Amino acid sequence: MGLRQEDIPFLLVTNTTQYSRAGLAAILCDADMPVQTHEAMTATVATAAYLRRHHPGARCHLLATREALEDLRDVECVEEGAEVIVVGGAEDGFNYESLNRAFRMLTEGAALVAMHRGLH
C-alpha cells in the first residue's frame, strides 16, 4: 500500500532551485510518480518564506533560473536597487555582467541570501 492509499500525509522535500514546485511535480508525474504541486517543497519555496519573515517587502535581485520566479511570486524582484541578493542555481545567469551587478549592490549594502549550497 502507498501513502495515499493509507491516507498518510506527506511532503517531498528537495534542495533544487532549478525547477519550480509545479515543474518538479510535472517531472515526477511524467516518471509515473503522481505528485501534486502543493506536495513538493523546494529550496526556493523555503527561501520565499525566509524572505517574507526576515526581509518583508524587500526588493530582491535574483541570481537563479527564471523558473524560480514561479515560487517567488510574492517577492519583488528587481534588476537594480535591490536590498537583498538571492542566489540559487543560476546556470547561464552566472556571467560576469550579472555577478558584477550583484556585487555592486552588495557593496552598496544589500544583504545576501543563498538558496542552497551547490557544487556547480
PDB file of N, CA and C in Angstrom:
ATOM      1  N   MET A   1       0.849  -1.187   0.000  1.00  0.00           N
ATOM      2  CA  MET A   1       0.000   0.000   0.000  1.00  0.00           C
ATOM      3  C   MET A   1       0.889   1.243   0.000  1.00  0.00           C
ATOM      4  N   GLY A   2       0.417   2.281  -0.660  1.00  0.00           N
ATOM      5  CA  GLY A   2       1.153   3.536  -0.721  1.00  0.00           C
ATOM      6  C   GLY A   2       0.665   4.519   0.328  1.00  0.00           C
ATOM      7  N   LEU A   3       1.347   5.626   0.422  1.00  0.00           N
ATOM      8  CA  LEU A   3       0.985   6.667   1.388  1.00  0.00           C
ATOM      9  C   LEU A   3      -0.421   7.196   1.135  1.00  0.00           C
ATOM     10  N   ARG A   4      -0.759   7.406  -0.119  1.00  0.00           N
ATOM     11  CA  ARG A   4      -2.098   7.914  -0.433  1.00  0.00           C
ATOM     12  C   ARG A   4      -3.178   6.906  -0.044  1.00  0.00           C
ATOM     13  N   GLN A   5      -2.939   5.621  -0.363  1.00  0.00           N
ATOM     14  CA  GLN A   5      -3.927   4.592  -0.041  1.00  0.00           C
ATOM     15  C   GLN A   5      -4.113   4.454   1.469  1.00  0.00           C
ATOM     16  N   GLU A   6      -3.062   4.703   2.210  1.00  0.00           N
ATOM     17  CA  GLU A   6      -3.142   4.627   3.675  1.00  0.00           C
ATOM     18  C   GLU A   6      -3.575   5.956   4.297  1.00  0.00           C
ATOM     19  N   ASP A   7      -3.832   6.954   3.440  1.00  0.00           N
ATOM     20  CA  ASP A   7      -4.242   8.282   3.882  1.00  0.00           C
ATOM     21  C   ASP A   7      -3.216   8.913   4.831  1.00  0.00           C
ATOM     22  N   ILE A   8      -1.944   8.737   4.484  1.00  0.00           N
ATOM     23  CA  ILE A   8      -0.848   9.309   5.270  1.00  0.00           C
ATOM     24  C   ILE A   8      -0.358  10.562   4.553  1.00  0.00           C
ATOM     25  N   PRO A   9      -0.450  11.722   5.211  1.00  0.00           N
ATOM     26  CA  PRO A   9       0.017  12.946   4.556  1.00  0.00           C
ATOM     27  C   PRO A   9       1.544  12.906   4.368  1.00  0.00           C
ATOM     28  N   PHE A  10       2.003  13.525   3.291  1.00  0.00           N
ATOM     29  CA  PHE A  10       3.445  13.559   3.033  1.00  0.00           C
ATOM     30  C   PHE A  10       3.808  14.830   2.285  1.00  0.00           C
ATOM     31  N   LEU A  11       5.086  15.146   2.300  1.00  0.00           N
ATOM     32  CA  LEU A  11       5.638  16.281   1.591  1.00  0.00           C
ATOM     33  C   LEU A  11       6.990  15.860   1.051  1.00  0.00           C
ATOM     34  N   LEU A  12       7.220  16.087  -0.235  1.00  0.00           N
ATOM     35  CA  LEU A  12       8.511  15.787  -0.834  1.00  0.00           C
ATOM     36  C   LEU A  12       9.394  17.014  -0.682  1.00  0.00           C
ATOM     37  N   VAL A  13      10.587  16.838  -0.139  1.00  0.00           N
ATOM     38  CA  VAL A  13      11.490  17.954   0.117  1.00  0.00           C
ATOM     39  C   VAL A  13      12.740  17.776  -0.724  1.00  0.00           C
ATOM     40  N   THR A  14      13.138  18.857  -1.413  1.00  0.00           N
ATOM     41  CA  THR A  14      14.342  18.835  -2.230  1.00  0.00           C
ATOM     42  C   THR A  14      15.046  20.183  -2.117  1.00  0.00           C
ATOM     43  N   ASN A  15      16.333  20.201  -2.388  1.00  0.00           N
ATOM     44  CA  ASN A  15      17.059  21.468  -2.343  1.00  0.00           C
ATOM     45  C   ASN A  15      17.193  22.096  -3.735  1.00  0.00           C
ATOM     46  N   THR A  16      16.436  21.613  -4.695  1.00  0.00           N
ATOM     47  CA  THR A  16      16.563  22.151  -6.051  1.00  0.00           C
ATOM     48  C   THR A  16      16.106  23.603  -6.127  1.00  0.00           C
ATOM     49  N   THR A  17      16.830  24.380  -6.901  1.00  0.00           N
ATOM     50  CA  THR A  17      16.392  25.730  -7.256  1.00  0.00           C
ATOM     51  C   THR A  17      16.241  25.827  -8.772  1.00  0.00           C
ATOM     52  N   GLN A  18      16.445  24.735  -9.443  1.00  0.00           N
ATOM     53  CA  GLN A  18      16.358  24.713 -10.896  1.00  0.00           C
ATOM     54  C   GLN A  18      14.912  24.660 -11.376  1.00  0.00           C
ATOM     55  N   TYR A  19      14.049  23.985 -10.615  1.00  0.00           N
ATOM     56  CA  TYR A  19      12.654  23.814 -11.017  1.00  0.00           C
ATOM     57  C   TYR A  19      11.732  24.446  -9.990  1.00  0.00           C
ATOM     58  N   SER A  20      10.594  24.923 -10.468  1.00  0.00           N
ATOM     59  CA  SER A  20       9.550  25.387  -9.556  1.00  0.00           C
ATOM     60  C   SER A  20       8.845  24.161  -8.990  1.00  0.00           C
ATOM     61  N   ARG A  21       7.985  24.391  -8.018  1.00  0.00           N
ATOM     62  CA  ARG A  21       7.203  23.271  -7.467  1.00  0.00           C
ATOM     63  C   ARG A  21       6.383  22.608  -8.565  1.00  0.00           C
ATOM     64  N   ALA A  22       5.746  23.421  -9.395  1.00  0.00           N
ATOM     65  CA  ALA A  22       4.925  22.876 -10.476  1.00  0.00           C
ATOM     66  C   ALA A  22       5.781  22.117 -11.486  1.00  0.00           C
ATOM     67  N   GLY A  23       6.945  22.658 -11.806  1.00  0.00           N
ATOM     68  CA  GLY A  23       7.846  21.983 -12.738  1.00  0.00           C
ATOM     69  C   GLY A  23       8.334  20.656 -12.200  1.00  0.00           C
ATOM     70  N   LEU A  24       8.671  20.639 -10.920  1.00  0.00           N
ATOM     71  CA  LEU A  24       9.122  19.406 -10.281  1.00  0.00           C
ATOM     72  C   LEU A  24       8.000  18.370 -10.245  1.00  0.00           C
ATOM     73  N   ALA A  25       6.799  18.813  -9.889  1.00  0.00           N
ATOM     74  CA  ALA A  25       5.654  17.894  -9.857  1.00  0.00           C
ATOM     75  C   ALA A  25       5.396  17.308 -11.245  1.00  0.00           C
ATOM     76  N   ALA A  26       5.517  18.130 -12.287  1.00  0.00           N
ATOM     77  CA  ALA A  26       5.303  17.640 -13.656  1.00  0.00           C
ATOM     78  C   ALA A  26       6.347  16.592 -14.033  1.00  0.00           C
ATOM     79  N   ILE A  27       7.594  16.830 -13.670  1.00  0.00           N
ATOM     80  CA  ILE A  27       8.667  15.862 -13.960  1.00  0.00           C
ATOM     81  C   ILE A  27       8.381  14.538 -13.262  1.00  0.00           C
ATOM     82  N   LEU A  28       7.980  14.612 -11.992  1.00  0.00           N
ATOM     83  CA  LEU A  28       7.688  13.395 -11.237  1.00  0.00           C
ATOM     84  C   LEU A  28       6.463  12.675 -11.798  1.00  0.00           C
ATOM     85  N   CYS A  29       5.460  13.417 -12.206  1.00  0.00           N
ATOM     86  CA  CYS A  29       4.272  12.797 -12.810  1.00  0.00           C
ATOM     87  C   CYS A  29       4.636  12.092 -14.113  1.00  0.00           C
ATOM     88  N   ASP A  30       5.512  12.714 -14.903  1.00  0.00           N
ATOM     89  CA  ASP A  30       5.973  12.085 -16.147  1.00  0.00           C
ATOM     90  C   ASP A  30       6.729  10.793 -15.876  1.00  0.00           C
ATOM     91  N   ALA A  31       7.298  10.659 -14.682  1.00  0.00           N
ATOM     92  CA  ALA A  31       8.036   9.453 -14.297  1.00  0.00           C
ATOM     93  C   ALA A  31       7.129   8.478 -13.533  1.00  0.00           C
ATOM     94  N   ASP A  32       5.812   8.635 -13.706  1.00  0.00           N
ATOM     95  CA  ASP A  32       4.815   7.773 -13.054  1.00  0.00           C
ATOM     96  C   ASP A  32       4.841   7.861 -11.528  1.00  0.00           C
ATOM     97  N   MET A  33       5.205   9.027 -11.007  1.00  0.00           N
ATOM     98  CA  MET A  33       5.105   9.288  -9.576  1.00  0.00           C
ATOM     99  C   MET A  33       4.164  10.468  -9.404  1.00  0.00           C
ATOM    100  N   PRO A  34       2.873  10.195  -9.283  1.00  0.00           N
ATOM    101  CA  PRO A  34       1.895  11.283  -9.234  1.00  0.00           C
ATOM    102  C   PRO A  34       2.058  12.153  -7.987  1.00  0.00           C
ATOM    103  N   VAL A  35       2.510  13.363  -8.222  1.00  0.00           N
ATOM    104  CA  VAL A  35       2.736  14.322  -7.144  1.00  0.00           C
ATOM    105  C   VAL A  35       2.019  15.612  -7.522  1.00  0.00           C
ATOM    106  N   GLN A  36       1.314  16.174  -6.580  1.00  0.00           N
ATOM    107  CA  GLN A  36       0.652  17.448  -6.804  1.00  0.00           C
ATOM    108  C   GLN A  36       1.595  18.571  -6.382  1.00  0.00           C
ATOM    109  N   THR A  37       1.415  19.724  -6.973  1.00  0.00           N
ATOM    110  CA  THR A  37       2.311  20.856  -6.722  1.00  0.00           C
ATOM    111  C   THR A  37       2.459  21.148  -5.238  1.00  0.00           C
ATOM    112  N   HIS A  38       1.371  21.159  -4.492  1.00  0.00           N
ATOM    113  CA  HIS A  38       1.435  21.503  -3.068  1.00  0.00           C
ATOM    114  C   HIS A  38       2.160  20.433  -2.228  1.00  0.00           C
ATOM    115  N   GLU A  39       2.447  19.287  -2.822  1.00  0.00           N
ATOM    116  CA  GLU A  39       3.148  18.218  -2.092  1.00  0.00           C
ATOM    117  C   GLU A  39       4.668  18.305  -2.252  1.00  0.00           C
ATOM    118  N   ALA A  40       5.144  19.324  -2.942  1.00  0.00           N
ATOM    119  CA  ALA A  40       6.587  19.489  -3.152  1.00  0.00           C
ATOM    120  C   ALA A  40       7.077  20.730  -2.423  1.00  0.00           C
ATOM    121  N   MET A  41       8.177  20.584  -1.695  1.00  0.00           N
ATOM    122  CA  MET A  41       8.811  21.707  -1.003  1.00  0.00           C
ATOM    123  C   MET A  41      10.219  21.839  -1.571  1.00  0.00           C
ATOM    124  N   THR A  42      10.521  23.011  -2.129  1.00  0.00           N
ATOM    125  CA  THR A  42      11.833  23.247  -2.715  1.00  0.00           C
ATOM    126  C   THR A  42      12.590  24.305  -1.913  1.00  0.00           C
ATOM    127  N   ALA A  43      13.873  24.433  -2.204  1.00  0.00           N
ATOM    128  CA  ALA A  43      14.682  25.468  -1.565  1.00  0.00           C
ATOM    129  C   ALA A  43      14.143  26.854  -1.907  1.00  0.00           C
ATOM    130  N   THR A  44      13.569  27.006  -3.088  1.00  0.00           N
ATOM    131  CA  THR A  44      13.024  28.299  -3.491  1.00  0.00           C
ATOM    132  C   THR A  44      11.801  28.662  -2.658  1.00  0.00           C
ATOM    133  N   VAL A  45      10.947  27.688  -2.378  1.00  0.00           N
ATOM    134  CA  VAL A  45       9.773  27.935  -1.532  1.00  0.00           C
ATOM    135  C   VAL A  45      10.218  28.302  -0.113  1.00  0.00           C
ATOM    136  N   ALA A  46      11.218  27.594   0.401  1.00  0.00           N
ATOM    137  CA  ALA A  46      11.749  27.909   1.733  1.00  0.00           C
ATOM    138  C   ALA A  46      12.382  29.292   1.745  1.00  0.00           C
ATOM    139  N   THR A  47      13.054  29.657   0.661  1.00  0.00           N
ATOM    140  CA  THR A  47      13.668  30.984   0.568  1.00  0.00           C
ATOM    141  C   THR A  47      12.603  32.072   0.572  1.00  0.00           C
ATOM    142  N   ALA A  48      11.511  31.862  -0.151  1.00  0.00           N
ATOM    143  CA  ALA A  48      10.417  32.838  -0.164  1.00  0.00           C
ATOM    144  C   ALA A  48       9.874  33.047   1.245  1.00  0.00           C
ATOM    145  N   ALA A  49       9.703  31.963   2.000  1.00  0.00           N
ATOM    146  CA  ALA A  49       9.226  32.075   3.390  1.00  0.00           C
ATOM    147  C   ALA A  49      10.245  32.830   4.243  1.00  0.00           C
ATOM    148  N   TYR A  50      11.528  32.527   4.052  1.00  0.00           N
ATOM    149  CA  TYR A  50      12.589  33.213   4.791  1.00  0.00           C
ATOM    150  C   TYR A  50      12.577  34.714   4.484  1.00  0.00           C
ATOM    151  N   LEU A  51      12.443  35.054   3.201  1.00  0.00           N
ATOM    152  CA  LEU A  51      12.421  36.465   2.817  1.00  0.00           C
ATOM    153  C   LEU A  51      11.215  37.183   3.413  1.00  0.00           C
ATOM    154  N   ARG A  52      10.047  36.539   3.402  1.00  0.00           N
ATOM    155  CA  ARG A  52       8.850  37.160   3.997  1.00  0.00           C
ATOM    156  C   ARG A  52       9.061  37.430   5.475  1.00  0.00           C
ATOM    157  N   ARG A  53       9.737  36.525   6.156  1.00  0.00           N
ATOM    158  CA  ARG A  53       9.924  36.668   7.608  1.00  0.00           C
ATOM    159  C   ARG A  53      11.062  37.627   7.963  1.00  0.00           C
ATOM    160  N   HIS A  54      12.196  37.509   7.272  1.00  0.00           N
ATOM    161  CA  HIS A  54      13.388  38.266   7.666  1.00  0.00           C
ATOM    162  C   HIS A  54      13.643  39.523   6.837  1.00  0.00           C
ATOM    163  N   HIS A  55      13.036  39.619   5.676  1.00  0.00           N
ATOM    164  CA  HIS A  55      13.200  40.790   4.803  1.00  0.00           C
ATOM    165  C   HIS A  55      11.853  41.156   4.187  1.00  0.00           C
ATOM    166  N   PRO A  56      10.831  41.394   5.024  1.00  0.00           N
ATOM    167  CA  PRO A  56       9.495  41.641   4.468  1.00  0.00           C
ATOM    168  C   PRO A  56       9.470  42.877   3.567  1.00  0.00           C
ATOM    169  N   GLY A  57       8.908  42.694   2.388  1.00  0.00           N
ATOM    170  CA  GLY A  57       8.763  43.802   1.460  1.00  0.00           C
ATOM    171  C   GLY A  57      10.046  44.249   0.774  1.00  0.00           C
ATOM    172  N   ALA A  58      11.139  43.540   0.988  1.00  0.00           N
ATOM    173  CA  ALA A  58      12.424  43.953   0.410  1.00  0.00           C
ATOM    174  C   ALA A  58      12.440  43.749  -1.098  1.00  0.00           C
ATOM    175  N   ARG A  59      13.142  44.638  -1.776  1.00  0.00           N
ATOM    176  CA  ARG A  59      13.386  44.477  -3.215  1.00  0.00           C
ATOM    177  C   ARG A  59      14.540  43.491  -3.359  1.00  0.00           C
ATOM    178  N   CYS A  60      14.346  42.449  -4.156  1.00  0.00           N
ATOM    179  CA  CYS A  60      15.331  41.374  -4.281  1.00  0.00           C
ATOM    180  C   CYS A  60      15.842  41.264  -5.712  1.00  0.00           C
ATOM    181  N   HIS A  61      17.126  41.013  -5.818  1.00  0.00           N
ATOM    182  CA  HIS A  61      17.732  40.724  -7.118  1.00  0.00           C
ATOM    183  C   HIS A  61      17.991  39.222  -7.136  1.00  0.00           C
ATOM    184  N   LEU A  62      17.472  38.551  -8.150  1.00  0.00           N
ATOM    185  CA  LEU A  62      17.521  37.095  -8.224  1.00  0.00           C
ATOM    186  C   LEU A  62      18.604  36.621  -9.187  1.00  0.00           C
ATOM    187  N   LEU A  63      19.532  35.816  -8.662  1.00  0.00           N
ATOM    188  CA  LEU A  63      20.516  35.118  -9.490  1.00  0.00           C
ATOM    189  C   LEU A  63      20.140  33.646  -9.431  1.00  0.00           C
ATOM    190  N   ALA A  64      19.181  33.277 -10.243  1.00  0.00           N
ATOM    191  CA  ALA A  64      18.678  31.901 -10.274  1.00  0.00           C
ATOM    192  C   ALA A  64      17.945  31.710 -11.593  1.00  0.00           C
ATOM    193  N   THR A  65      17.488  30.510 -11.837  1.00  0.00           N
ATOM    194  CA  THR A  65      16.746  30.257 -13.062  1.00  0.00           C
ATOM    195  C   THR A  65      15.437  31.041 -13.036  1.00  0.00           C
ATOM    196  N   ARG A  66      14.950  31.398 -14.193  1.00  0.00           N
ATOM    197  CA  ARG A  66      13.693  32.153 -14.287  1.00  0.00           C
ATOM    198  C   ARG A  66      12.523  31.332 -13.772  1.00  0.00           C
ATOM    199  N   GLU A  67      12.616  30.012 -13.825  1.00  0.00           N
ATOM    200  CA  GLU A  67      11.526  29.182 -13.313  1.00  0.00           C
ATOM    201  C   GLU A  67      11.347  29.396 -11.813  1.00  0.00           C
ATOM    202  N   ALA A  68      12.430  29.758 -11.123  1.00  0.00           N
ATOM    203  CA  ALA A  68      12.335  30.010  -9.681  1.00  0.00           C
ATOM    204  C   ALA A  68      11.371  31.144  -9.366  1.00  0.00           C
ATOM    205  N   LEU A  69      11.172  32.052 -10.308  1.00  0.00           N
ATOM    206  CA  LEU A  69      10.252  33.165 -10.079  1.00  0.00           C
ATOM    207  C   LEU A  69       8.835  32.693  -9.765  1.00  0.00           C
ATOM    208  N   GLU A  70       8.461  31.523 -10.289  1.00  0.00           N
ATOM    209  CA  GLU A  70       7.123  30.996 -10.017  1.00  0.00           C
ATOM    210  C   GLU A  70       6.893  30.811  -8.525  1.00  0.00           C
ATOM    211  N   ASP A  71       7.934  30.387  -7.805  1.00  0.00           N
ATOM    212  CA  ASP A  71       7.793  30.140  -6.372  1.00  0.00           C
ATOM    213  C   ASP A  71       8.184  31.351  -5.530  1.00  0.00           C
ATOM    214  N   LEU A  72       8.548  32.443  -6.196  1.00  0.00           N
ATOM    215  CA  LEU A  72       8.869  33.699  -5.503  1.00  0.00           C
ATOM    216  C   LEU A  72       7.880  34.787  -5.918  1.00  0.00           C
ATOM    217  N   ARG A  73       6.634  34.376  -6.212  1.00  0.00           N
ATOM    218  CA  ARG A  73       5.626  35.301  -6.717  1.00  0.00           C
ATOM    219  C   ARG A  73       5.407  36.516  -5.829  1.00  0.00           C
ATOM    220  N   ASP A  74       5.437  36.333  -4.534  1.00  0.00           N
ATOM    221  CA  ASP A  74       5.155  37.449  -3.630  1.00  0.00           C
ATOM    222  C   ASP A  74       6.416  38.214  -3.229  1.00  0.00           C
ATOM    223  N   VAL A  75       7.537  37.948  -3.896  1.00  0.00           N
ATOM    224  CA  VAL A  75       8.786  38.657  -3.648  1.00  0.00           C
ATOM    225  C   VAL A  75       8.993  39.633  -4.800  1.00  0.00           C
ATOM    226  N   GLU A  76       9.296  40.882  -4.462  1.00  0.00           N
ATOM    227  CA  GLU A  76       9.542  41.872  -5.507  1.00  0.00           C
ATOM    228  C   GLU A  76      10.949  41.681  -6.053  1.00  0.00           C
ATOM    229  N   CYS A  77      11.055  41.268  -7.302  1.00  0.00           N
ATOM    230  CA  CYS A  77      12.355  41.040  -7.940  1.00  0.00           C
ATOM    231  C   CYS A  77      12.695  42.229  -8.827  1.00  0.00           C
ATOM    232  N   VAL A  78      13.910  42.762  -8.658  1.00  0.00           N
ATOM    233  CA  VAL A  78      14.357  43.935  -9.404  1.00  0.00           C
ATOM    234  C   VAL A  78      15.728  43.669 -10.008  1.00  0.00           C
ATOM    235  N   GLU A  79      16.074  44.432 -11.018  1.00  0.00           N
ATOM    236  CA  GLU A  79      17.396  44.324 -11.643  1.00  0.00           C
ATOM    237  C   GLU A  79      18.400  45.271 -10.988  1.00  0.00           C
ATOM    238  N   GLU A  80      17.937  46.375 -10.444  1.00  0.00           N
ATOM    239  CA  GLU A  80      18.800  47.374  -9.800  1.00  0.00           C
ATOM    240  C   GLU A  80      18.174  47.818  -8.487  1.00  0.00           C
ATOM    241  N   GLY A  81      18.998  48.330  -7.589  1.00  0.00           N
ATOM    242  CA  GLY A  81      18.495  48.886  -6.339  1.00  0.00           C
ATOM    243  C   GLY A  81      17.944  47.858  -5.368  1.00  0.00           C
ATOM    244  N   ALA A  82      18.481  46.649  -5.408  1.00  0.00           N
ATOM    245  CA  ALA A  82      17.983  45.582  -4.527  1.00  0.00           C
ATOM    246  C   ALA A  82      18.472  45.775  -3.096  1.00  0.00           C
ATOM    247  N   GLU A  83      17.646  45.336  -2.168  1.00  0.00           N
ATOM    248  CA  GLU A  83      18.014  45.308  -0.756  1.00  0.00           C
ATOM    249  C   GLU A  83      18.545  43.940  -0.359  1.00  0.00           C
ATOM    250  N   VAL A  84      18.200  42.924  -1.162  1.00  0.00           N
ATOM    251  CA  VAL A  84      18.647  41.557  -0.912  1.00  0.00           C
ATOM    252  C   VAL A  84      19.043  40.926  -2.251  1.00  0.00           C
ATOM    253  N   ILE A  85      20.209  40.267  -2.261  1.00  0.00           N
ATOM    254  CA  ILE A  85      20.638  39.482  -3.415  1.00  0.00           C
ATOM    255  C   ILE A  85      20.330  38.028  -3.080  1.00  0.00           C
ATOM    256  N   VAL A  86      19.556  37.358  -3.927  1.00  0.00           N
ATOM    257  CA  VAL A  86      19.163  35.970  -3.708  1.00  0.00           C
ATOM    258  C   VAL A  86      19.866  35.113  -4.763  1.00  0.00           C
ATOM    259  N   VAL A  87      20.674  34.155  -4.297  1.00  0.00           N
ATOM    260  CA  VAL A  87      21.470  33.330  -5.198  1.00  0.00           C
ATOM    261  C   VAL A  87      20.980  31.891  -5.151  1.00  0.00           C
ATOM    262  N   GLY A  88      20.783  31.314  -6.330  1.00  0.00           N
ATOM    263  CA  GLY A  88      20.423  29.908  -6.463  1.00  0.00           C
ATOM    264  C   GLY A  88      21.213  29.305  -7.606  1.00  0.00           C
ATOM    265  N   GLY A  89      20.692  28.276  -8.211  1.00  0.00           N
ATOM    266  CA  GLY A  89      21.358  27.649  -9.350  1.00  0.00           C
ATOM    267  C   GLY A  89      21.104  28.453 -10.608  1.00  0.00           C
ATOM    268  N   ALA A  90      21.910  29.475 -10.847  1.00  0.00           N
ATOM    269  CA  ALA A  90      21.641  30.431 -11.914  1.00  0.00           C
ATOM    270  C   ALA A  90      21.996  29.938 -13.308  1.00  0.00           C
ATOM    271  N   GLU A  91      22.788  28.896 -13.416  1.00  0.00           N
ATOM    272  CA  GLU A  91      23.182  28.357 -14.715  1.00  0.00           C
ATOM    273  C   GLU A  91      23.711  29.457 -15.625  1.00  0.00           C
ATOM    274  N   ASP A  92      23.060  29.749 -16.748  1.00  0.00           N
ATOM    275  CA  ASP A  92      23.548  30.752 -17.696  1.00  0.00           C
ATOM    276  C   ASP A  92      23.574  32.154 -17.086  1.00  0.00           C
ATOM    277  N   GLY A  93      22.795  32.362 -16.036  1.00  0.00           N
ATOM    278  CA  GLY A  93      22.750  33.668 -15.391  1.00  0.00           C
ATOM    279  C   GLY A  93      24.009  34.030 -14.641  1.00  0.00           C
ATOM    280  N   PHE A  94      24.873  33.060 -14.380  1.00  0.00           N
ATOM    281  CA  PHE A  94      26.137  33.351 -13.717  1.00  0.00           C
ATOM    282  C   PHE A  94      27.147  33.760 -14.779  1.00  0.00           C
ATOM    283  N   ASN A  95      27.171  35.032 -15.080  1.00  0.00           N
ATOM    284  CA  ASN A  95      28.156  35.558 -16.009  1.00  0.00           C
ATOM    285  C   ASN A  95      28.752  36.814 -15.389  1.00  0.00           C
ATOM    286  N   TYR A  96      29.758  37.340 -16.031  1.00  0.00           N
ATOM    287  CA  TYR A  96      30.462  38.485 -15.462  1.00  0.00           C
ATOM    288  C   TYR A  96      29.518  39.646 -15.197  1.00  0.00           C
ATOM    289  N   GLU A  97      28.672  39.953 -16.169  1.00  0.00           N
ATOM    290  CA  GLU A  97      27.779  41.097 -16.033  1.00  0.00           C
ATOM    291  C   GLU A  97      26.832  40.959 -14.833  1.00  0.00           C
ATOM    292  N   SER A  98      26.184  39.796 -14.711  1.00  0.00           N
ATOM    293  CA  SER A  98      25.212  39.622 -13.615  1.00  0.00           C
ATOM    294  C   SER A  98      25.909  39.552 -12.254  1.00  0.00           C
ATOM    295  N   LEU A  99      27.058  38.902 -12.205  1.00  0.00           N
ATOM    296  CA  LEU A  99      27.785  38.843 -10.933  1.00  0.00           C
ATOM    297  C   LEU A  99      28.327  40.204 -10.534  1.00  0.00           C
ATOM    298  N   ASN A 100      28.785  40.982 -11.499  1.00  0.00           N
ATOM    299  CA  ASN A 100      29.277  42.325 -11.215  1.00  0.00           C
ATOM    300  C   ASN A 100      28.142  43.210 -10.692  1.00  0.00           C
ATOM    301  N   ARG A 101      26.954  43.094 -11.303  1.00  0.00           N
ATOM    302  CA  ARG A 101      25.788  43.859 -10.850  1.00  0.00           C
ATOM    303  C   ARG A 101      25.440  43.482  -9.411  1.00  0.00           C
ATOM    304  N   ALA A 102      25.407  42.183  -9.132  1.00  0.00           N
ATOM    305  CA  ALA A 102      25.083  41.729  -7.771  1.00  0.00           C
ATOM    306  C   ALA A 102      26.143  42.198  -6.776  1.00  0.00           C
ATOM    307  N   PHE A 103      27.411  42.095  -7.152  1.00  0.00           N
ATOM    308  CA  PHE A 103      28.495  42.529  -6.264  1.00  0.00           C
ATOM    309  C   PHE A 103      28.375  44.016  -5.950  1.00  0.00           C
ATOM    310  N   ARG A 104      28.062  44.815  -6.960  1.00  0.00           N
ATOM    311  CA  ARG A 104      27.896  46.247  -6.743  1.00  0.00           C
ATOM    312  C   ARG A 104      26.782  46.518  -5.729  1.00  0.00           C
ATOM    313  N   MET A 105      25.655  45.814  -5.861  1.00  0.00           N
ATOM    314  CA  MET A 105      24.549  46.021  -4.918  1.00  0.00           C
ATOM    315  C   MET A 105      24.934  45.565  -3.514  1.00  0.00           C
ATOM    316  N   LEU A 106      25.738  44.499  -3.428  1.00  0.00           N
ATOM    317  CA  LEU A 106      26.215  44.055  -2.114  1.00  0.00           C
ATOM    318  C   LEU A 106      27.099  45.118  -1.473  1.00  0.00           C
ATOM    319  N   THR A 107      27.986  45.725  -2.266  1.00  0.00           N
ATOM    320  CA  THR A 107      28.857  46.768  -1.710  1.00  0.00           C
ATOM    321  C   THR A 107      28.073  48.015  -1.329  1.00  0.00           C
ATOM    322  N   GLU A 108      26.880  48.168  -1.897  1.00  0.00           N
ATOM    323  CA  GLU A 108      26.011  49.297  -1.548  1.00  0.00           C
ATOM    324  C   GLU A 108      25.120  48.971  -0.356  1.00  0.00           C
ATOM    325  N   GLY A 109      25.267  47.764   0.230  1.00  0.00           N
ATOM    326  CA  GLY A 109      24.552  47.442   1.454  1.00  0.00           C
ATOM    327  C   GLY A 109      23.499  46.357   1.365  1.00  0.00           C
ATOM    328  N   ALA A 110      23.300  45.766   0.190  1.00  0.00           N
ATOM    329  CA  ALA A 110      22.301  44.694   0.072  1.00  0.00           C
ATOM    330  C   ALA A 110      22.734  43.477   0.878  1.00  0.00           C
ATOM    331  N   ALA A 111      21.762  42.774   1.427  1.00  0.00           N
ATOM    332  CA  ALA A 111      22.013  41.512   2.137  1.00  0.00           C
ATOM    333  C   ALA A 111      22.150  40.399   1.110  1.00  0.00           C
ATOM    334  N   LEU A 112      22.784  39.302   1.514  1.00  0.00           N
ATOM    335  CA  LEU A 112      22.974  38.150   0.633  1.00  0.00           C
ATOM    336  C   LEU A 112      22.241  36.945   1.212  1.00  0.00           C
ATOM    337  N   VAL A 113      21.420  36.301   0.392  1.00  0.00           N
ATOM    338  CA  VAL A 113      20.708  35.086   0.787  1.00  0.00           C
ATOM    339  C   VAL A 113      21.007  34.021  -0.268  1.00  0.00           C
ATOM    340  N   ALA A 114      21.575  32.902   0.159  1.00  0.00           N
ATOM    341  CA  ALA A 114      21.840  31.785  -0.743  1.00  0.00           C
ATOM    342  C   ALA A 114      20.768  30.730  -0.527  1.00  0.00           C
ATOM    343  N   MET A 115      20.167  30.269  -1.622  1.00  0.00           N
ATOM    344  CA  MET A 115      19.095  29.282  -1.521  1.00  0.00           C
ATOM    345  C   MET A 115      19.591  27.906  -1.109  1.00  0.00           C
ATOM    346  N   HIS A 116      20.782  27.547  -1.533  1.00  0.00           N
ATOM    347  CA  HIS A 116      21.349  26.266  -1.136  1.00  0.00           C
ATOM    348  C   HIS A 116      22.824  26.239  -1.480  1.00  0.00           C
ATOM    349  N   ARG A 117      23.504  25.294  -0.923  1.00  0.00           N
ATOM    350  CA  ARG A 117      24.906  25.118  -1.221  1.00  0.00           C
ATOM    351  C   ARG A 117      24.986  24.165  -2.404  1.00  0.00           C
ATOM    352  N   GLY A 118      25.558  24.613  -3.490  1.00  0.00           N
ATOM    353  CA  GLY A 118      25.654  23.785  -4.682  1.00  0.00           C
ATOM    354  C   GLY A 118      27.093  23.480  -5.011  1.00  0.00           C
ATOM    355  N   LEU A 119      27.274  22.483  -5.854  1.00  0.00           N
ATOM    356  CA  LEU A 119      28.614  22.079  -6.261  1.00  0.00           C
ATOM    357  C   LEU A 119      28.990  22.641  -7.611  1.00  0.00           C
ATOM    358  N   HIS A 120      28.120  23.416  -8.242  1.00  0.00           N
ATOM    359  CA  HIS A 120      28.431  23.999  -9.541  1.00  0.00           C
ATOM    360  C   HIS A 120      28.097  25.464  -9.552  1.00  0.00           C
TER     361      HIS A 120
END
